[in-house]
Structures are given as structure tokens and as C-alpha cells.
Amino acid sequence: GQTCYMNSTLQCLSNIPELSDYLLNNYYTFNLSSNPLSTAYTNLLFKLFLNEEQKKFIDPTEFKNIIGDLNPLFQGFQAADSKDLLFFLIERLHNELNKPFQNFNPLKDFNLLEMEARNERKMLQNFFQEFKCSNNSIVSKNFYGIQRSKMKCEECQVTKYSFQTFNMEIFQLKKLREDKKADFGPHYNTLTLMEAFLYSEKEDILEGENMIYCNKCRKLTKGRNKQDFYRLPRILIIVLNRGKNNADFNEEFDFPENIDFTNQNIILDKSSYMKYYLMS
């Protein structure tokens, strides 16, 4: 069938040693009834890396049946998107392997804090503590980063901050190319990975149907919203989305084998992981 999306996804994910080594070393602690995907995926890893017979091919039927049972999107042999499978695998493995702590005490009136820009640091500390206590798995420790959303009312200038985790950064290449052409002219076609990060953080103007409700003004107002990368994960997954009109989008994309964010002013938390090399 048209299952090349699964083949390419598994080749990438299986070659991440932080996850594969953990699963292979902890396989005998998994309970099939509560960890069906972890068990099936680790069985596949055994065939990939510890196959003494050195077969020239590996049959992934067991794994394919399991993901089809767990998610109707991957039933049968029709085509699917590799990023959808990758996202599902990461989220499901995290949920199965998660061992949350029970000792989190949130700050008082936490919900009110996002109305006060001066409490941004307290908000982040509270958010990060809550996340670490409720998400404790090999997946969350390696694949999850933090983004910050900054929303500002144009009338009263009040700024609200909020934080969210991410395990995959999806770049809409067509939109990013249009933003670059708006700045540098139509002859700038090639887009680099660093520019993709930079242009994805551009501020959006919220007006018309997208106006925001300001608690201070007590009405819908024109606003601005900016998404920032606060902290990057140890394993950074980047999806390059060309859009639906692939035939009309032949732009070259420069994807380096190494990338260093240290002096780029893109990552807010300077204690974040900054240097990466291409694994798969």
C-alpha cells in the first residue's frame, strides 16, 4: 500500500538513541495492556538493531496493526502524512511512559498572573514546575520545549503572557517565503533554517474579526500577538510544510547539518539547548 509515510517516520525516530536505548533497556517493564504502542514499537526496534539472523528486510505488520487499532487515521494501507504519525507516536509514547509526580503546589491566583506583564517570570516558573510534575517521561524530558505568547492591547498597551509546550515546530514555507520577499524583494527565493525561525516569530496584527478582548478596556480592541521560542528541547523536530500547491513551490531550502542559536537572539532562555546537529 501507500505506507511510505510510516517507513520514513520510523527511520527517523528509531535513530534517536535517547529514546531507542531507553525502550530497549526497559522493554521487560512494559505491560502490554497499558503500554501497547511502547511494546509494539520496542519489538520493532529489537528487529532493527538486535536481529541476529541479519535478515534483509523487517516485517512491521504487528506495529502497523497496533497503530491502526489505536488511531483510525492509520488503518488500512492508504496514504497519510508522516508528521501526523510522528506526532501521534511521540504523544502516545509519552502518555504510556509518563510517571507524574504528585507534589505540585501552584502559586496563589495563578490565573490572574497572565493579566500582569510584570509577573512573567512567576508565570513561567509556575508553568514549568507544573509541567515537570505532571509530565515525567523519557519523551517529555527530550522532546518538549516551551513557547511564549505575548499579546498586547493597542489602546491601553496592557500585555498578557502565556506559555505552552511544543514537541514539533512546523514551518509553513510558503508564508515564510512571502514574508522574506516583503522585506527583501521578489528575487530572494532561498530560505535558510535560521530565517525560518526568525520569520516565524514575526509579530501579527490582530484586527477586524481577529480583534482581542481586553480585560482592562472591557471591549474588543485591536492588538498584537508575538510567538517566541522560550526554551528548545534536547531533540528538536522540524517539519517543513510546503503547502498544497507543491508544483508551484520549487523554492530551495537550505537545511544545514549543524545550527547554533547562541548569538541569534531567537531563543529567550539562554540556558536552553542552543547547538544542534542533523540526526535524521
Protein backbone atom coordinates (compact mmCIF):
# COMPACT_ATOMS: atom_id res chain seq x y z
CA GLY A 1 0.00 0.00 0.00
CA GLN A 2 0.89 3.68 0.32
CA THR A 3 2.63 3.41 3.68
CA CYS A 4 5.93 5.11 2.82
CA TYR A 5 4.99 7.78 5.41
CA MET A 6 5.43 5.10 8.11
CA ASN A 7 8.74 3.88 6.69
CA SER A 8 10.31 7.35 6.62
CA THR A 9 8.97 8.25 10.07
CA LEU A 10 10.30 5.07 11.67
CA GLN A 11 13.72 5.51 10.08
CA CYS A 12 13.98 8.98 11.63
CA LEU A 13 12.57 8.15 15.06
CA SER A 14 14.41 4.86 15.54
CA ASN A 15 17.78 6.56 15.03
CA ILE A 16 17.35 8.82 18.06
CA PRO A 17 19.41 6.97 20.70
CA GLU A 18 17.93 8.80 23.72
CA LEU A 19 14.57 7.15 23.02
CA SER A 20 15.60 3.85 21.40
CA ASP A 21 18.17 2.94 24.06
CA TYR A 22 15.66 3.65 26.82
CA LEU A 23 12.96 1.48 25.25
CA LEU A 24 15.32 -1.42 24.54
CA ASN A 25 16.70 -1.34 28.10
CA ASN A 26 13.28 -1.09 29.76
CA TYR A 27 11.26 -3.38 27.50
CA TYR A 28 10.65 -6.03 30.16
CA THR A 29 8.96 -3.50 32.46
CA PHE A 30 6.21 -2.72 29.93
CA ASN A 31 2.70 -4.06 30.40
CA LEU A 32 1.14 -4.93 27.06
CA SER A 33 -2.38 -3.96 28.14
CA SER A 34 -1.37 -0.47 29.33
CA ASN A 35 1.62 0.05 27.01
CA PRO A 36 0.55 -1.41 23.63
CA LEU A 37 2.41 1.09 21.46
CA SER A 38 5.56 1.08 23.60
CA THR A 39 5.63 -2.72 23.42
CA ALA A 40 5.00 -2.93 19.67
CA TYR A 41 7.48 -0.19 18.84
CA THR A 42 10.19 -1.72 21.03
CA ASN A 43 9.61 -5.12 19.38
CA LEU A 44 10.28 -3.36 16.09
CA LEU A 45 13.47 -1.81 17.50
CA PHE A 46 14.68 -5.27 18.53
CA LYS A 47 14.22 -6.43 14.94
CA LEU A 48 16.03 -3.36 13.62
CA PHE A 49 19.05 -3.33 15.92
CA LEU A 50 19.35 -6.76 17.54
CA ASN A 51 18.41 -9.11 14.73
CA GLU A 52 20.99 -11.91 14.91
CA GLU A 53 19.79 -13.54 11.70
CA GLN A 54 20.65 -10.40 9.71
CA LYS A 55 17.55 -10.56 7.57
CA LYS A 56 17.48 -8.24 4.60
CA PHE A 57 14.05 -6.92 5.44
CA ILE A 58 11.84 -6.44 8.50
CA ASP A 59 8.11 -7.10 8.60
CA PRO A 60 6.35 -4.27 10.53
CA THR A 61 2.89 -5.87 10.38
CA GLU A 62 2.47 -6.10 14.18
CA PHE A 63 3.38 -2.46 14.63
CA LYS A 64 1.17 -1.36 11.72
CA ASN A 65 -1.82 -3.21 13.15
CA ILE A 66 -1.30 -1.66 16.60
CA ILE A 67 -1.17 1.94 15.37
CA GLY A 68 -4.24 1.26 13.22
CA ASP A 69 -6.12 -0.07 16.25
CA LEU A 70 -5.10 2.96 18.33
CA ASN A 71 -5.74 5.60 15.67
CA PRO A 72 -8.24 5.22 12.78
CA LEU A 73 -6.15 7.64 10.70
CA PHE A 74 -3.57 4.88 10.18
CA GLN A 75 -5.89 1.96 9.48
CA GLY A 76 -5.53 0.21 6.15
CA PHE A 77 -2.93 1.00 3.54
CA GLN A 78 -3.99 4.42 2.29
CA ALA A 79 -1.57 7.36 2.28
CA ALA A 80 -1.12 9.52 5.37
CA ASP A 81 1.13 12.38 6.44
CA SER A 82 4.41 11.42 8.11
CA LYS A 83 4.21 14.35 10.52
CA ASP A 84 0.79 13.14 11.75
CA LEU A 85 2.22 9.71 12.51
CA LEU A 86 5.30 11.19 14.18
CA PHE A 87 3.16 13.46 16.36
CA PHE A 88 0.90 10.55 17.31
CA LEU A 89 3.86 8.30 18.19
CA ILE A 90 5.50 10.93 20.40
CA GLU A 91 2.29 11.84 22.22
CA ARG A 92 1.21 8.22 22.70
CA LEU A 93 4.64 7.04 23.89
CA HIS A 94 4.72 9.91 26.35
CA ASN A 95 1.27 9.07 27.73
CA GLU A 96 2.15 5.39 28.14
CA LEU A 97 5.55 6.01 29.76
CA ASN A 98 4.57 9.02 31.86
CA LYS A 99 5.03 8.76 35.65
CA PRO A 100 3.78 12.08 37.04
CA PHE A 101 4.76 13.45 40.42
CA GLN A 102 2.09 14.40 42.93
CA ASN A 103 3.72 17.23 44.88
CA PHE A 104 2.93 20.32 42.81
CA ASN A 105 1.65 23.39 44.69
CA PRO A 106 0.64 26.15 42.26
CA LEU A 107 1.16 29.81 43.05
CA LYS A 108 -1.83 31.62 44.50
CA ASP A 109 -4.16 33.23 41.94
CA PHE A 110 -2.16 31.78 39.07
CA ASN A 111 -4.85 32.57 36.51
CA LEU A 112 -4.70 36.25 37.40
CA LEU A 113 -0.99 36.35 36.75
CA GLU A 114 -1.36 36.22 32.99
CA MET A 115 -3.03 39.62 33.18
CA GLU A 116 0.15 41.17 34.60
CA ALA A 117 3.24 41.52 32.44
CA ARG A 118 5.42 42.14 35.49
CA ASN A 119 4.65 38.62 36.73
CA GLU A 120 6.01 36.91 33.61
CA ARG A 121 8.86 35.24 35.50
CA LYS A 122 6.50 33.86 38.16
CA MET A 123 4.15 32.62 35.47
CA LEU A 124 6.97 30.77 33.73
CA GLN A 125 8.25 29.22 36.96
CA ASN A 126 4.77 28.06 37.86
CA PHE A 127 4.07 26.75 34.36
CA PHE A 128 7.38 24.89 34.18
CA GLN A 129 7.00 23.36 37.65
CA GLU A 130 3.50 22.17 36.85
CA PHE A 131 4.61 20.71 33.54
CA LYS A 132 7.56 18.83 35.05
CA CYS A 133 5.43 17.41 37.84
CA SER A 134 2.64 16.19 35.57
CA ASN A 135 4.89 15.15 32.67
CA ASN A 136 7.71 12.84 33.67
CA SER A 137 8.75 10.52 30.85
CA ILE A 138 11.73 9.90 28.61
CA VAL A 139 9.71 11.65 25.89
CA SER A 140 8.89 14.83 27.82
CA LYS A 141 12.50 15.12 29.03
CA ASN A 142 13.89 15.04 25.49
CA PHE A 143 11.24 16.20 23.03
CA TYR A 144 9.35 19.05 24.71
CA GLY A 145 10.24 22.76 24.62
CA ILE A 146 8.43 25.92 25.72
CA GLN A 147 6.97 28.75 23.65
CA ARG A 148 5.80 32.12 24.92
CA SER A 149 2.83 34.05 23.57
CA LYS A 150 2.86 37.84 24.04
CA MET A 151 -0.43 39.63 23.37
CA LYS A 152 -0.68 43.43 23.60
CA CYS A 153 -3.73 45.73 23.51
CA GLU A 154 -3.14 48.65 21.14
CA GLU A 155 -5.38 51.02 23.15
CA CYS A 156 -4.18 50.59 26.76
CA GLN A 157 -0.84 48.86 26.00
CA VAL A 158 -1.54 46.12 28.56
CA THR A 159 0.45 42.98 27.72
CA LYS A 160 -0.57 39.42 28.54
CA TYR A 161 1.84 36.49 28.56
CA SER A 162 1.05 32.81 28.32
CA PHE A 163 3.23 29.72 27.91
CA GLN A 164 2.72 26.41 26.14
CA THR A 165 4.82 23.36 25.40
CA PHE A 166 5.63 22.03 21.94
CA ASN A 167 7.30 18.87 20.63
CA MET A 168 7.38 19.75 16.95
CA GLU A 169 7.91 23.01 15.08
CA ILE A 170 6.02 23.25 11.79
CA PHE A 171 7.19 25.88 9.32
CA GLN A 172 4.75 26.99 6.60
CA LEU A 173 7.42 27.60 3.96
CA LYS A 174 5.17 29.43 1.51
CA LYS A 175 4.15 32.00 4.14
CA LEU A 176 7.72 32.45 5.39
CA ARG A 177 8.98 32.98 1.84
CA GLU A 178 6.32 35.64 1.28
CA ASP A 179 7.42 37.41 4.48
CA LYS A 180 11.04 37.38 3.30
CA LYS A 181 10.11 38.71 -0.14
CA ALA A 182 8.15 41.53 1.54
CA ASP A 183 11.35 42.55 3.33
CA PHE A 184 13.96 41.96 0.62
CA GLY A 185 12.14 41.86 -2.72
CA PRO A 186 10.95 39.11 -5.07
CA HIS A 187 14.45 37.99 -6.12
CA TYR A 188 15.11 36.50 -2.66
CA ASN A 189 13.93 32.91 -3.02
CA THR A 190 16.21 30.70 -0.96
CA LEU A 191 15.13 30.39 2.67
CA THR A 192 17.51 29.23 5.39
CA LEU A 193 16.56 27.34 8.53
CA MET A 194 17.67 30.23 10.74
CA GLU A 195 15.48 32.61 8.72
CA ALA A 196 12.56 30.23 9.13
CA PHE A 197 12.88 30.52 12.90
CA LEU A 198 13.28 34.28 12.68
CA TYR A 199 10.28 34.90 10.42
CA SER A 200 8.07 32.54 12.42
CA GLU A 201 8.48 34.92 15.38
CA LYS A 202 7.23 37.99 13.48
CA GLU A 203 4.52 39.97 15.25
CA ASP A 204 0.96 39.59 13.97
CA ILE A 205 -1.56 42.45 13.99
CA LEU A 206 -4.96 41.34 15.30
CA GLU A 207 -7.79 43.43 13.90
CA GLY A 208 -11.21 43.07 12.32
CA GLU A 209 -12.56 39.57 13.01
CA ASN A 210 -9.35 38.73 14.91
CA MET A 211 -9.56 41.52 17.48
CA ILE A 212 -8.79 40.60 21.10
CA TYR A 213 -10.90 41.15 24.21
CA CYS A 214 -9.03 43.41 26.66
CA ASN A 215 -9.96 42.93 30.32
CA LYS A 216 -8.80 46.44 31.16
CA CYS A 217 -10.63 48.20 28.31
CA ARG A 218 -13.55 45.76 28.71
CA LYS A 219 -14.14 45.55 24.97
CA LEU A 220 -12.76 44.12 21.75
CA THR A 221 -9.71 46.04 20.65
CA LYS A 222 -7.01 45.94 18.02
CA GLY A 223 -3.99 44.03 19.30
CA ARG A 224 -0.63 42.50 18.51
CA ASN A 225 0.49 38.93 19.10
CA LYS A 226 4.01 37.52 19.03
CA GLN A 227 5.12 33.91 19.46
CA ASP A 228 8.62 33.39 20.85
CA PHE A 229 10.74 30.31 21.42
CA TYR A 230 11.46 30.34 25.13
CA ARG A 231 13.29 27.06 25.59
CA LEU A 232 14.20 24.44 22.98
CA PRO A 233 14.07 20.69 23.65
CA ARG A 234 17.06 18.37 23.57
CA ILE A 235 15.66 16.71 20.42
CA LEU A 236 14.29 19.38 18.07
CA ILE A 237 11.82 18.15 15.44
CA ILE A 238 11.29 20.48 12.50
CA VAL A 239 8.58 19.94 9.89
CA LEU A 240 8.85 21.76 6.56
CA ASN A 241 5.33 22.19 5.17
CA ARG A 242 5.30 23.20 1.52
CA GLY A 243 1.53 23.59 1.40
CA LYS A 244 -0.99 22.09 -1.02
CA ASN A 245 0.42 23.55 -4.25
CA ASN A 246 3.73 21.70 -4.31
CA ALA A 247 4.03 22.10 -8.08
CA ASP A 248 4.00 25.90 -7.73
CA PHE A 249 6.55 25.92 -4.92
CA ASN A 250 10.02 24.99 -6.10
CA GLU A 251 12.00 27.13 -3.67
CA GLU A 252 15.26 25.69 -2.46
CA PHE A 253 15.56 25.36 1.29
CA ASP A 254 18.93 25.44 3.00
CA PHE A 255 18.90 22.83 5.77
CA PRO A 256 22.35 22.73 7.42
CA GLU A 257 23.90 19.75 9.18
CA ASN A 258 24.66 22.00 12.18
CA ILE A 259 22.88 25.01 13.61
CA ASP A 260 23.82 27.30 16.52
CA PHE A 261 21.29 29.69 18.08
CA THR A 262 23.76 31.09 20.65
CA ASN A 263 24.14 34.62 19.22
CA GLN A 264 20.95 34.85 17.15
CA ASN A 265 18.56 36.44 19.71
CA ILE A 266 15.89 33.92 18.76
CA ILE A 267 15.73 31.86 21.99
CA LEU A 268 14.69 33.80 25.10
CA ASP A 269 16.11 31.45 27.76
CA LYS A 270 19.89 31.47 27.40
CA SER A 271 20.13 28.25 29.43
CA SER A 272 18.24 26.45 26.64
CA TYR A 273 19.85 23.96 24.31
CA MET A 274 21.38 26.09 21.55
CA LYS A 275 23.55 23.87 19.34
CA TYR A 276 22.10 21.10 17.18
CA TYR A 277 23.33 18.67 14.56
CA LEU A 278 21.18 16.90 12.00
CA MET A 279 20.43 13.30 13.06
CA SER A 280 17.86 12.18 10.50
